[in-house]
Amino acid sequence: MQEKEKLLAIGTFPLITLAEARRKRDEAKKLIADGIDPNQDKKQKKLAAQGEISNTFESIAREWYEGRKDRWSVGYREDMMDAFEKDVFPYIGHRPIAEIKPL
């Protein structure tokens, strides 16, 4: 039984150069040689990138804050978020939560 032929969209002509298209073709051929479906690989990378965005320290901290802010006074809420935005997010807010280890 033969598999159905699959197509890989690399890009459109004016937006991608011939050299870039050839480079992407060669990368796809290497993936196929390694037994990896280039389309599936592309989807997994896209999902991983989206996951990284939602798993940053800042996104998790904001989610934590939203879940607890109703328990706090208005002044404490403001102080808490001000501290995060001034002292924490600029330094580690962009990092994936899995990279952050306790001291």
PDB file of N, CA and C in Angstrom:
ATOM      1  N   MET A   1       0.836  -1.175   0.000  1.00  0.00           N
ATOM      2  CA  MET A   1       0.000   0.000   0.000  1.00  0.00           C
ATOM      3  C   MET A   1       0.886   1.245   0.000  1.00  0.00           C
ATOM      4  N   GLN A   2       0.590   2.172  -0.873  1.00  0.00           N
ATOM      5  CA  GLN A   2       1.381   3.387  -0.971  1.00  0.00           C
ATOM      6  C   GLN A   2       0.738   4.507  -0.161  1.00  0.00           C
ATOM      7  N   GLU A   3       1.611   5.351   0.406  1.00  0.00           N
ATOM      8  CA  GLU A   3       1.114   6.513   1.128  1.00  0.00           C
ATOM      9  C   GLU A   3       0.733   7.598   0.137  1.00  0.00           C
ATOM     10  N   LYS A   4      -0.218   8.415   0.527  1.00  0.00           N
ATOM     11  CA  LYS A   4      -0.631   9.538  -0.294  1.00  0.00           C
ATOM     12  C   LYS A   4       0.485  10.583  -0.290  1.00  0.00           C
ATOM     13  N   GLU A   5       0.720  11.189  -1.435  1.00  0.00           N
ATOM     14  CA  GLU A   5       1.746  12.223  -1.543  1.00  0.00           C
ATOM     15  C   GLU A   5       1.347  13.425  -0.689  1.00  0.00           C
ATOM     16  N   LYS A   6       2.321  13.958   0.029  1.00  0.00           N
ATOM     17  CA  LYS A   6       2.066  15.116   0.882  1.00  0.00           C
ATOM     18  C   LYS A   6       2.806  16.322   0.325  1.00  0.00           C
ATOM     19  N   LEU A   7       2.234  17.485   0.517  1.00  0.00           N
ATOM     20  CA  LEU A   7       2.851  18.729   0.083  1.00  0.00           C
ATOM     21  C   LEU A   7       3.297  19.527   1.299  1.00  0.00           C
ATOM     22  N   LEU A   8       4.390  20.252   1.128  1.00  0.00           N
ATOM     23  CA  LEU A   8       4.903  21.114   2.186  1.00  0.00           C
ATOM     24  C   LEU A   8       4.915  22.542   1.659  1.00  0.00           C
ATOM     25  N   ALA A   9       4.157  23.421   2.265  1.00  0.00           N
ATOM     26  CA  ALA A   9       4.126  24.826   1.856  1.00  0.00           C
ATOM     27  C   ALA A   9       5.361  25.520   2.421  1.00  0.00           C
ATOM     28  N   ILE A  10       6.161  26.061   1.538  1.00  0.00           N
ATOM     29  CA  ILE A  10       7.399  26.732   1.946  1.00  0.00           C
ATOM     30  C   ILE A  10       7.215  28.242   1.984  1.00  0.00           C
ATOM     31  N   GLY A  11       6.414  28.772   1.094  1.00  0.00           N
ATOM     32  CA  GLY A  11       6.176  30.210   1.034  1.00  0.00           C
ATOM     33  C   GLY A  11       5.843  30.624  -0.382  1.00  0.00           C
ATOM     34  N   THR A  12       5.475  31.877  -0.555  1.00  0.00           N
ATOM     35  CA  THR A  12       5.132  32.374  -1.884  1.00  0.00           C
ATOM     36  C   THR A  12       6.301  33.130  -2.485  1.00  0.00           C
ATOM     37  N   PHE A  13       6.346  33.140  -3.804  1.00  0.00           N
ATOM     38  CA  PHE A  13       7.501  33.645  -4.537  1.00  0.00           C
ATOM     39  C   PHE A  13       7.983  35.041  -4.150  1.00  0.00           C
ATOM     40  N   PRO A  14       7.164  36.038  -4.163  1.00  0.00           N
ATOM     41  CA  PRO A  14       7.771  37.343  -3.868  1.00  0.00           C
ATOM     42  C   PRO A  14       8.274  37.463  -2.429  1.00  0.00           C
ATOM     43  N   LEU A  15       7.676  36.681  -1.536  1.00  0.00           N
ATOM     44  CA  LEU A  15       8.043  36.808  -0.127  1.00  0.00           C
ATOM     45  C   LEU A  15       9.226  35.937   0.275  1.00  0.00           C
ATOM     46  N   ILE A  16       9.546  34.940  -0.537  1.00  0.00           N
ATOM     47  CA  ILE A  16      10.650  34.034  -0.217  1.00  0.00           C
ATOM     48  C   ILE A  16      11.559  33.916  -1.439  1.00  0.00           C
ATOM     49  N   THR A  17      12.847  34.015  -1.212  1.00  0.00           N
ATOM     50  CA  THR A  17      13.786  33.930  -2.331  1.00  0.00           C
ATOM     51  C   THR A  17      13.972  32.479  -2.748  1.00  0.00           C
ATOM     52  N   LEU A  18      14.506  32.295  -3.936  1.00  0.00           N
ATOM     53  CA  LEU A  18      14.769  30.950  -4.431  1.00  0.00           C
ATOM     54  C   LEU A  18      15.779  30.238  -3.525  1.00  0.00           C
ATOM     55  N   ALA A  19      16.792  30.961  -3.083  1.00  0.00           N
ATOM     56  CA  ALA A  19      17.806  30.367  -2.204  1.00  0.00           C
ATOM     57  C   ALA A  19      17.183  29.914  -0.881  1.00  0.00           C
ATOM     58  N   GLU A  20      16.286  30.729  -0.335  1.00  0.00           N
ATOM     59  CA  GLU A  20      15.623  30.373   0.917  1.00  0.00           C
ATOM     60  C   GLU A  20      14.711  29.162   0.714  1.00  0.00           C
ATOM     61  N   ALA A  21      14.001  29.121  -0.408  1.00  0.00           N
ATOM     62  CA  ALA A  21      13.132  27.974  -0.709  1.00  0.00           C
ATOM     63  C   ALA A  21      13.959  26.702  -0.831  1.00  0.00           C
ATOM     64  N   ARG A  22      15.099  26.791  -1.475  1.00  0.00           N
ATOM     65  CA  ARG A  22      15.969  25.616  -1.614  1.00  0.00           C
ATOM     66  C   ARG A  22      16.503  25.164  -0.256  1.00  0.00           C
ATOM     67  N   ARG A  23      16.851  26.119   0.581  1.00  0.00           N
ATOM     68  CA  ARG A  23      17.349  25.781   1.921  1.00  0.00           C
ATOM     69  C   ARG A  23      16.260  25.057   2.719  1.00  0.00           C
ATOM     70  N   LYS A  24      15.034  25.564   2.648  1.00  0.00           N
ATOM     71  CA  LYS A  24      13.921  24.924   3.361  1.00  0.00           C
ATOM     72  C   LYS A  24      13.630  23.544   2.786  1.00  0.00           C
ATOM     73  N   ARG A  25      13.752  23.405   1.467  1.00  0.00           N
ATOM     74  CA  ARG A  25      13.558  22.095   0.836  1.00  0.00           C
ATOM     75  C   ARG A  25      14.582  21.105   1.361  1.00  0.00           C
ATOM     76  N   ASP A  26      15.841  21.546   1.445  1.00  0.00           N
ATOM     77  CA  ASP A  26      16.905  20.665   1.936  1.00  0.00           C
ATOM     78  C   ASP A  26      16.673  20.265   3.398  1.00  0.00           C
ATOM     79  N   GLU A  27      16.183  21.208   4.201  1.00  0.00           N
ATOM     80  CA  GLU A  27      15.868  20.894   5.600  1.00  0.00           C
ATOM     81  C   GLU A  27      14.754  19.852   5.676  1.00  0.00           C
ATOM     82  N   ALA A  28      13.745  20.005   4.809  1.00  0.00           N
ATOM     83  CA  ALA A  28      12.630  19.051   4.789  1.00  0.00           C
ATOM     84  C   ALA A  28      13.114  17.669   4.364  1.00  0.00           C
ATOM     85  N   LYS A  29      14.004  17.621   3.378  1.00  0.00           N
ATOM     86  CA  LYS A  29      14.545  16.331   2.928  1.00  0.00           C
ATOM     87  C   LYS A  29      15.305  15.640   4.053  1.00  0.00           C
ATOM     88  N   LYS A  30      16.047  16.428   4.830  1.00  0.00           N
ATOM     89  CA  LYS A  30      16.799  15.849   5.945  1.00  0.00           C
ATOM     90  C   LYS A  30      15.842  15.276   6.995  1.00  0.00           C
ATOM     91  N   LEU A  31      14.762  16.007   7.285  1.00  0.00           N
ATOM     92  CA  LEU A  31      13.771  15.506   8.240  1.00  0.00           C
ATOM     93  C   LEU A  31      13.151  14.201   7.749  1.00  0.00           C
ATOM     94  N   ILE A  32      12.818  14.150   6.463  1.00  0.00           N
ATOM     95  CA  ILE A  32      12.230  12.938   5.888  1.00  0.00           C
ATOM     96  C   ILE A  32      13.210  11.778   5.994  1.00  0.00           C
ATOM     97  N   ALA A  33      14.483  12.043   5.711  1.00  0.00           N
ATOM     98  CA  ALA A  33      15.505  11.002   5.813  1.00  0.00           C
ATOM     99  C   ALA A  33      15.628  10.477   7.247  1.00  0.00           C
ATOM    100  N   ASP A  34      15.346  11.354   8.210  1.00  0.00           N
ATOM    101  CA  ASP A  34      15.389  10.961   9.625  1.00  0.00           C
ATOM    102  C   ASP A  34      14.072  10.347  10.095  1.00  0.00           C
ATOM    103  N   GLY A  35      13.116  10.204   9.170  1.00  0.00           N
ATOM    104  CA  GLY A  35      11.832   9.593   9.510  1.00  0.00           C
ATOM    105  C   GLY A  35      10.841  10.541  10.160  1.00  0.00           C
ATOM    106  N   ILE A  36      11.041  11.833   9.956  1.00  0.00           N
ATOM    107  CA  ILE A  36      10.172  12.847  10.559  1.00  0.00           C
ATOM    108  C   ILE A  36       9.358  13.523   9.462  1.00  0.00           C
ATOM    109  N   ASP A  37       8.059  13.642   9.680  1.00  0.00           N
ATOM    110  CA  ASP A  37       7.178  14.334   8.742  1.00  0.00           C
ATOM    111  C   ASP A  37       7.394  15.844   8.907  1.00  0.00           C
ATOM    112  N   PRO A  38       7.853  16.545   7.868  1.00  0.00           N
ATOM    113  CA  PRO A  38       8.116  17.984   7.990  1.00  0.00           C
ATOM    114  C   PRO A  38       6.887  18.802   8.393  1.00  0.00           C
ATOM    115  N   ASN A  39       5.708  18.415   7.908  1.00  0.00           N
ATOM    116  CA  ASN A  39       4.493  19.143   8.284  1.00  0.00           C
ATOM    117  C   ASN A  39       4.197  18.979   9.771  1.00  0.00           C
ATOM    118  N   GLN A  40       4.338  17.768  10.286  1.00  0.00           N
ATOM    119  CA  GLN A  40       4.113  17.519  11.710  1.00  0.00           C
ATOM    120  C   GLN A  40       5.152  18.255  12.556  1.00  0.00           C
ATOM    121  N   ASP A  41       6.392  18.262  12.085  1.00  0.00           N
ATOM    122  CA  ASP A  41       7.467  18.957  12.792  1.00  0.00           C
ATOM    123  C   ASP A  41       7.160  20.450  12.884  1.00  0.00           C
ATOM    124  N   LYS A  42       6.679  21.011  11.784  1.00  0.00           N
ATOM    125  CA  LYS A  42       6.325  22.432  11.734  1.00  0.00           C
ATOM    126  C   LYS A  42       5.195  22.736  12.723  1.00  0.00           C
ATOM    127  N   LYS A  43       4.170  21.866  12.767  1.00  0.00           N
ATOM    128  CA  LYS A  43       3.048  22.055  13.692  1.00  0.00           C
ATOM    129  C   LYS A  43       3.511  21.970  15.143  1.00  0.00           C
ATOM    130  N   GLN A  44       4.382  20.995  15.437  1.00  0.00           N
ATOM    131  CA  GLN A  44       4.863  20.828  16.807  1.00  0.00           C
ATOM    132  C   GLN A  44       5.677  22.031  17.257  1.00  0.00           C
ATOM    133  N   LYS A  45       6.506  22.561  16.362  1.00  0.00           N
ATOM    134  CA  LYS A  45       7.301  23.742  16.707  1.00  0.00           C
ATOM    135  C   LYS A  45       6.406  24.944  16.963  1.00  0.00           C
ATOM    136  N   LYS A  46       5.353  25.087  16.160  1.00  0.00           N
ATOM    137  CA  LYS A  46       4.424  26.200  16.342  1.00  0.00           C
ATOM    138  C   LYS A  46       3.701  26.083  17.684  1.00  0.00           C
ATOM    139  N   LEU A  47       3.240  24.880  18.012  1.00  0.00           N
ATOM    140  CA  LEU A  47       2.566  24.662  19.291  1.00  0.00           C
ATOM    141  C   LEU A  47       3.514  24.883  20.466  1.00  0.00           C
ATOM    142  N   ALA A  48       4.758  24.455  20.304  1.00  0.00           N
ATOM    143  CA  ALA A  48       5.746  24.650  21.367  1.00  0.00           C
ATOM    144  C   ALA A  48       5.995  26.135  21.593  1.00  0.00           C
ATOM    145  N   ALA A  49       6.071  26.896  20.508  1.00  0.00           N
ATOM    146  CA  ALA A  49       6.291  28.335  20.632  1.00  0.00           C
ATOM    147  C   ALA A  49       5.116  28.995  21.350  1.00  0.00           C
ATOM    148  N   GLN A  50       3.902  28.580  21.029  1.00  0.00           N
ATOM    149  CA  GLN A  50       2.730  29.124  21.708  1.00  0.00           C
ATOM    150  C   GLN A  50       2.739  28.734  23.180  1.00  0.00           C
ATOM    151  N   GLY A  51       3.157  27.518  23.466  1.00  0.00           N
ATOM    152  CA  GLY A  51       3.236  27.058  24.846  1.00  0.00           C
ATOM    153  C   GLY A  51       4.262  27.821  25.641  1.00  0.00           C
ATOM    154  N   GLU A  52       5.376  28.165  25.003  1.00  0.00           N
ATOM    155  CA  GLU A  52       6.416  28.924  25.687  1.00  0.00           C
ATOM    156  C   GLU A  52       5.909  30.300  26.079  1.00  0.00           C
ATOM    157  N   ILE A  53       5.109  30.901  25.218  1.00  0.00           N
ATOM    158  CA  ILE A  53       4.574  32.221  25.516  1.00  0.00           C
ATOM    159  C   ILE A  53       3.650  32.155  26.723  1.00  0.00           C
ATOM    160  N   SER A  54       2.810  31.140  26.783  1.00  0.00           N
ATOM    161  CA  SER A  54       1.856  31.055  27.884  1.00  0.00           C
ATOM    162  C   SER A  54       2.472  30.470  29.148  1.00  0.00           C
ATOM    163  N   ASN A  55       3.686  29.950  29.077  1.00  0.00           N
ATOM    164  CA  ASN A  55       4.338  29.374  30.249  1.00  0.00           C
ATOM    165  C   ASN A  55       5.494  30.222  30.758  1.00  0.00           C
ATOM    166  N   THR A  56       5.459  31.503  30.466  1.00  0.00           N
ATOM    167  CA  THR A  56       6.489  32.379  31.006  1.00  0.00           C
ATOM    168  C   THR A  56       6.167  32.683  32.462  1.00  0.00           C
ATOM    169  N   PHE A  57       7.177  33.114  33.194  1.00  0.00           N
ATOM    170  CA  PHE A  57       6.954  33.464  34.593  1.00  0.00           C
ATOM    171  C   PHE A  57       5.881  34.537  34.706  1.00  0.00           C
ATOM    172  N   GLU A  58       5.942  35.535  33.829  1.00  0.00           N
ATOM    173  CA  GLU A  58       4.970  36.629  33.910  1.00  0.00           C
ATOM    174  C   GLU A  58       3.540  36.137  33.710  1.00  0.00           C
ATOM    175  N   SER A  59       3.313  35.289  32.708  1.00  0.00           N
ATOM    176  CA  SER A  59       1.939  34.825  32.463  1.00  0.00           C
ATOM    177  C   SER A  59       1.425  33.975  33.628  1.00  0.00           C
ATOM    178  N   ILE A  60       2.284  33.141  34.198  1.00  0.00           N
ATOM    179  CA  ILE A  60       1.882  32.314  35.340  1.00  0.00           C
ATOM    180  C   ILE A  60       1.639  33.191  36.572  1.00  0.00           C
ATOM    181  N   ALA A  61       2.498  34.185  36.787  1.00  0.00           N
ATOM    182  CA  ALA A  61       2.339  35.072  37.943  1.00  0.00           C
ATOM    183  C   ALA A  61       1.057  35.891  37.830  1.00  0.00           C
ATOM    184  N   ARG A  62       0.757  36.354  36.628  1.00  0.00           N
ATOM    185  CA  ARG A  62      -0.488  37.116  36.440  1.00  0.00           C
ATOM    186  C   ARG A  62      -1.713  36.221  36.659  1.00  0.00           C
ATOM    187  N   GLU A  63      -1.643  34.989  36.222  1.00  0.00           N
ATOM    188  CA  GLU A  63      -2.738  34.042  36.446  1.00  0.00           C
ATOM    189  C   GLU A  63      -2.917  33.784  37.950  1.00  0.00           C
ATOM    190  N   TRP A  64      -1.793  33.605  38.650  1.00  0.00           N
ATOM    191  CA  TRP A  64      -1.820  33.410  40.101  1.00  0.00           C
ATOM    192  C   TRP A  64      -2.454  34.626  40.782  1.00  0.00           C
ATOM    193  N   TYR A  65      -2.031  35.814  40.364  1.00  0.00           N
ATOM    194  CA  TYR A  65      -2.549  37.064  40.924  1.00  0.00           C
ATOM    195  C   TYR A  65      -4.062  37.169  40.726  1.00  0.00           C
ATOM    196  N   GLU A  66      -4.536  36.887  39.512  1.00  0.00           N
ATOM    197  CA  GLU A  66      -5.971  36.977  39.214  1.00  0.00           C
ATOM    198  C   GLU A  66      -6.784  36.024  40.089  1.00  0.00           C
ATOM    199  N   GLY A  67      -6.228  34.874  40.381  1.00  0.00           N
ATOM    200  CA  GLY A  67      -6.937  33.901  41.203  1.00  0.00           C
ATOM    201  C   GLY A  67      -6.997  34.258  42.677  1.00  0.00           C
ATOM    202  N   ARG A  68      -6.142  35.172  43.124  1.00  0.00           N
ATOM    203  CA  ARG A  68      -6.071  35.496  44.548  1.00  0.00           C
ATOM    204  C   ARG A  68      -6.430  36.933  44.898  1.00  0.00           C
ATOM    205  N   LYS A  69      -6.507  37.815  43.928  1.00  0.00           N
ATOM    206  CA  LYS A  69      -6.648  39.242  44.217  1.00  0.00           C
ATOM    207  C   LYS A  69      -7.918  39.588  44.984  1.00  0.00           C
ATOM    208  N   ASP A  70      -8.973  38.803  44.823  1.00  0.00           N
ATOM    209  CA  ASP A  70     -10.225  39.103  45.528  1.00  0.00           C
ATOM    210  C   ASP A  70     -10.105  38.886  47.035  1.00  0.00           C
ATOM    211  N   ARG A  71      -9.090  38.187  47.470  1.00  0.00           N
ATOM    212  CA  ARG A  71      -8.879  37.935  48.905  1.00  0.00           C
ATOM    213  C   ARG A  71      -8.143  39.086  49.586  1.00  0.00           C
ATOM    214  N   TRP A  72      -7.570  39.976  48.779  1.00  0.00           N
ATOM    215  CA  TRP A  72      -6.721  41.037  49.299  1.00  0.00           C
ATOM    216  C   TRP A  72      -7.421  42.388  49.261  1.00  0.00           C
ATOM    217  N   SER A  73      -6.934  43.308  50.086  1.00  0.00           N
ATOM    218  CA  SER A  73      -7.452  44.677  50.038  1.00  0.00           C
ATOM    219  C   SER A  73      -6.976  45.337  48.745  1.00  0.00           C
ATOM    220  N   VAL A  74      -7.655  46.401  48.362  1.00  0.00           N
ATOM    221  CA  VAL A  74      -7.310  47.103  47.125  1.00  0.00           C
ATOM    222  C   VAL A  74      -5.867  47.607  47.182  1.00  0.00           C
ATOM    223  N   GLY A  75      -5.471  48.162  48.314  1.00  0.00           N
ATOM    224  CA  GLY A  75      -4.111  48.676  48.455  1.00  0.00           C
ATOM    225  C   GLY A  75      -3.061  47.584  48.315  1.00  0.00           C
ATOM    226  N   TYR A  76      -3.317  46.434  48.928  1.00  0.00           N
ATOM    227  CA  TYR A  76      -2.368  45.320  48.846  1.00  0.00           C
ATOM    228  C   TYR A  76      -2.272  44.804  47.412  1.00  0.00           C
ATOM    229  N   ARG A  77      -3.432  44.723  46.724  1.00  0.00           N
ATOM    230  CA  ARG A  77      -3.429  44.295  45.312  1.00  0.00           C
ATOM    231  C   ARG A  77      -2.528  45.192  44.477  1.00  0.00           C
ATOM    232  N   GLU A  78      -2.711  46.502  44.655  1.00  0.00           N
ATOM    233  CA  GLU A  78      -1.922  47.459  43.871  1.00  0.00           C
ATOM    234  C   GLU A  78      -0.436  47.336  44.196  1.00  0.00           C
ATOM    235  N   ASP A  79      -0.120  47.216  45.481  1.00  0.00           N
ATOM    236  CA  ASP A  79       1.280  47.066  45.887  1.00  0.00           C
ATOM    237  C   ASP A  79       1.892  45.798  45.299  1.00  0.00           C
ATOM    238  N   MET A  80       1.132  44.712  45.334  1.00  0.00           N
ATOM    239  CA  MET A  80       1.616  43.428  44.821  1.00  0.00           C
ATOM    240  C   MET A  80       1.929  43.531  43.328  1.00  0.00           C
ATOM    241  N   MET A  81       0.981  44.057  42.552  1.00  0.00           N
ATOM    242  CA  MET A  81       1.199  44.131  41.107  1.00  0.00           C
ATOM    243  C   MET A  81       2.292  45.141  40.768  1.00  0.00           C
ATOM    244  N   ASP A  82       2.347  46.251  41.486  1.00  0.00           N
ATOM    245  CA  ASP A  82       3.415  47.227  41.260  1.00  0.00           C
ATOM    246  C   ASP A  82       4.784  46.592  41.490  1.00  0.00           C
ATOM    247  N   ALA A  83       4.900  45.802  42.551  1.00  0.00           N
ATOM    248  CA  ALA A  83       6.172  45.139  42.850  1.00  0.00           C
ATOM    249  C   ALA A  83       6.550  44.163  41.738  1.00  0.00           C
ATOM    250  N   PHE A  84       5.581  43.368  41.280  1.00  0.00           N
ATOM    251  CA  PHE A  84       5.860  42.442  40.178  1.00  0.00           C
ATOM    252  C   PHE A  84       6.316  43.202  38.934  1.00  0.00           C
ATOM    253  N   GLU A  85       5.573  44.245  38.559  1.00  0.00           N
ATOM    254  CA  GLU A  85       5.869  44.965  37.321  1.00  0.00           C
ATOM    255  C   GLU A  85       7.172  45.750  37.394  1.00  0.00           C
ATOM    256  N   LYS A  86       7.531  46.226  38.568  1.00  0.00           N
ATOM    257  CA  LYS A  86       8.747  47.026  38.717  1.00  0.00           C
ATOM    258  C   LYS A  86       9.983  46.173  39.004  1.00  0.00           C
ATOM    259  N   ASP A  87       9.838  45.185  39.886  1.00  0.00           N
ATOM    260  CA  ASP A  87      11.001  44.474  40.399  1.00  0.00           C
ATOM    261  C   ASP A  87      11.199  43.054  39.886  1.00  0.00           C
ATOM    262  N   VAL A  88      10.174  42.452  39.309  1.00  0.00           N
ATOM    263  CA  VAL A  88      10.289  41.040  38.935  1.00  0.00           C
ATOM    264  C   VAL A  88      10.177  40.829  37.428  1.00  0.00           C
ATOM    265  N   PHE A  89       9.074  41.276  36.824  1.00  0.00           N
ATOM    266  CA  PHE A  89       8.835  41.003  35.408  1.00  0.00           C
ATOM    267  C   PHE A  89       9.955  41.485  34.477  1.00  0.00           C
ATOM    268  N   PRO A  90      10.554  42.660  34.724  1.00  0.00           N
ATOM    269  CA  PRO A  90      11.630  43.080  33.810  1.00  0.00           C
ATOM    270  C   PRO A  90      12.841  42.137  33.815  1.00  0.00           C
ATOM    271  N   TYR A  91      13.025  41.392  34.889  1.00  0.00           N
ATOM    272  CA  TYR A  91      14.199  40.538  35.020  1.00  0.00           C
ATOM    273  C   TYR A  91      13.945  39.079  34.659  1.00  0.00           C
ATOM    274  N   ILE A  92      12.831  38.536  35.107  1.00  0.00           N
ATOM    275  CA  ILE A  92      12.580  37.116  34.825  1.00  0.00           C
ATOM    276  C   ILE A  92      11.205  36.853  34.214  1.00  0.00           C
ATOM    277  N   GLY A  93      10.451  37.888  33.920  1.00  0.00           N
ATOM    278  CA  GLY A  93       9.104  37.712  33.392  1.00  0.00           C
ATOM    279  C   GLY A  93       9.050  36.954  32.081  1.00  0.00           C
ATOM    280  N   HIS A  94      10.058  37.105  31.236  1.00  0.00           N
ATOM    281  CA  HIS A  94      10.087  36.472  29.907  1.00  0.00           C
ATOM    282  C   HIS A  94      10.557  35.018  29.944  1.00  0.00           C
ATOM    283  N   ARG A  95      11.121  34.584  31.062  1.00  0.00           N
ATOM    284  CA  ARG A  95      11.697  33.230  31.128  1.00  0.00           C
ATOM    285  C   ARG A  95      10.628  32.160  31.274  1.00  0.00           C
ATOM    286  N   PRO A  96      10.820  31.011  30.624  1.00  0.00           N
ATOM    287  CA  PRO A  96       9.884  29.896  30.822  1.00  0.00           C
ATOM    288  C   PRO A  96       9.897  29.474  32.289  1.00  0.00           C
ATOM    289  N   ILE A  97       8.743  29.167  32.802  1.00  0.00           N
ATOM    290  CA  ILE A  97       8.607  28.834  34.223  1.00  0.00           C
ATOM    291  C   ILE A  97       9.452  27.616  34.595  1.00  0.00           C
ATOM    292  N   ALA A  98       9.633  26.691  33.666  1.00  0.00           N
ATOM    293  CA  ALA A  98      10.408  25.475  33.945  1.00  0.00           C
ATOM    294  C   ALA A  98      11.887  25.771  34.179  1.00  0.00           C
ATOM    295  N   GLU A  99      12.376  26.906  33.680  1.00  0.00           N
ATOM    296  CA  GLU A  99      13.790  27.266  33.854  1.00  0.00           C
ATOM    297  C   GLU A  99      14.073  27.887  35.218  1.00  0.00           C
ATOM    298  N   ILE A 100      13.051  28.320  35.911  1.00  0.00           N
ATOM    299  CA  ILE A 100      13.242  29.036  37.170  1.00  0.00           C
ATOM    300  C   ILE A 100      13.250  28.036  38.319  1.00  0.00           C
ATOM    301  N   LYS A 101      14.349  28.033  39.053  1.00  0.00           N
ATOM    302  CA  LYS A 101      14.529  27.097  40.168  1.00  0.00           C
ATOM    303  C   LYS A 101      14.534  27.872  41.478  1.00  0.00           C
ATOM    304  N   PRO A 102      14.013  27.288  42.556  1.00  0.00           N
ATOM    305  CA  PRO A 102      14.045  27.968  43.856  1.00  0.00           C
ATOM    306  C   PRO A 102      15.476  28.059  44.378  1.00  0.00           C
ATOM    307  N   LEU A 103      15.719  29.041  45.196  1.00  0.00           N
ATOM    308  CA  LEU A 103      17.063  29.216  45.769  1.00  0.00           C
ATOM    309  C   LEU A 103      17.288  28.279  46.914  1.00  0.00           C
TER     310      LEU A 103
END
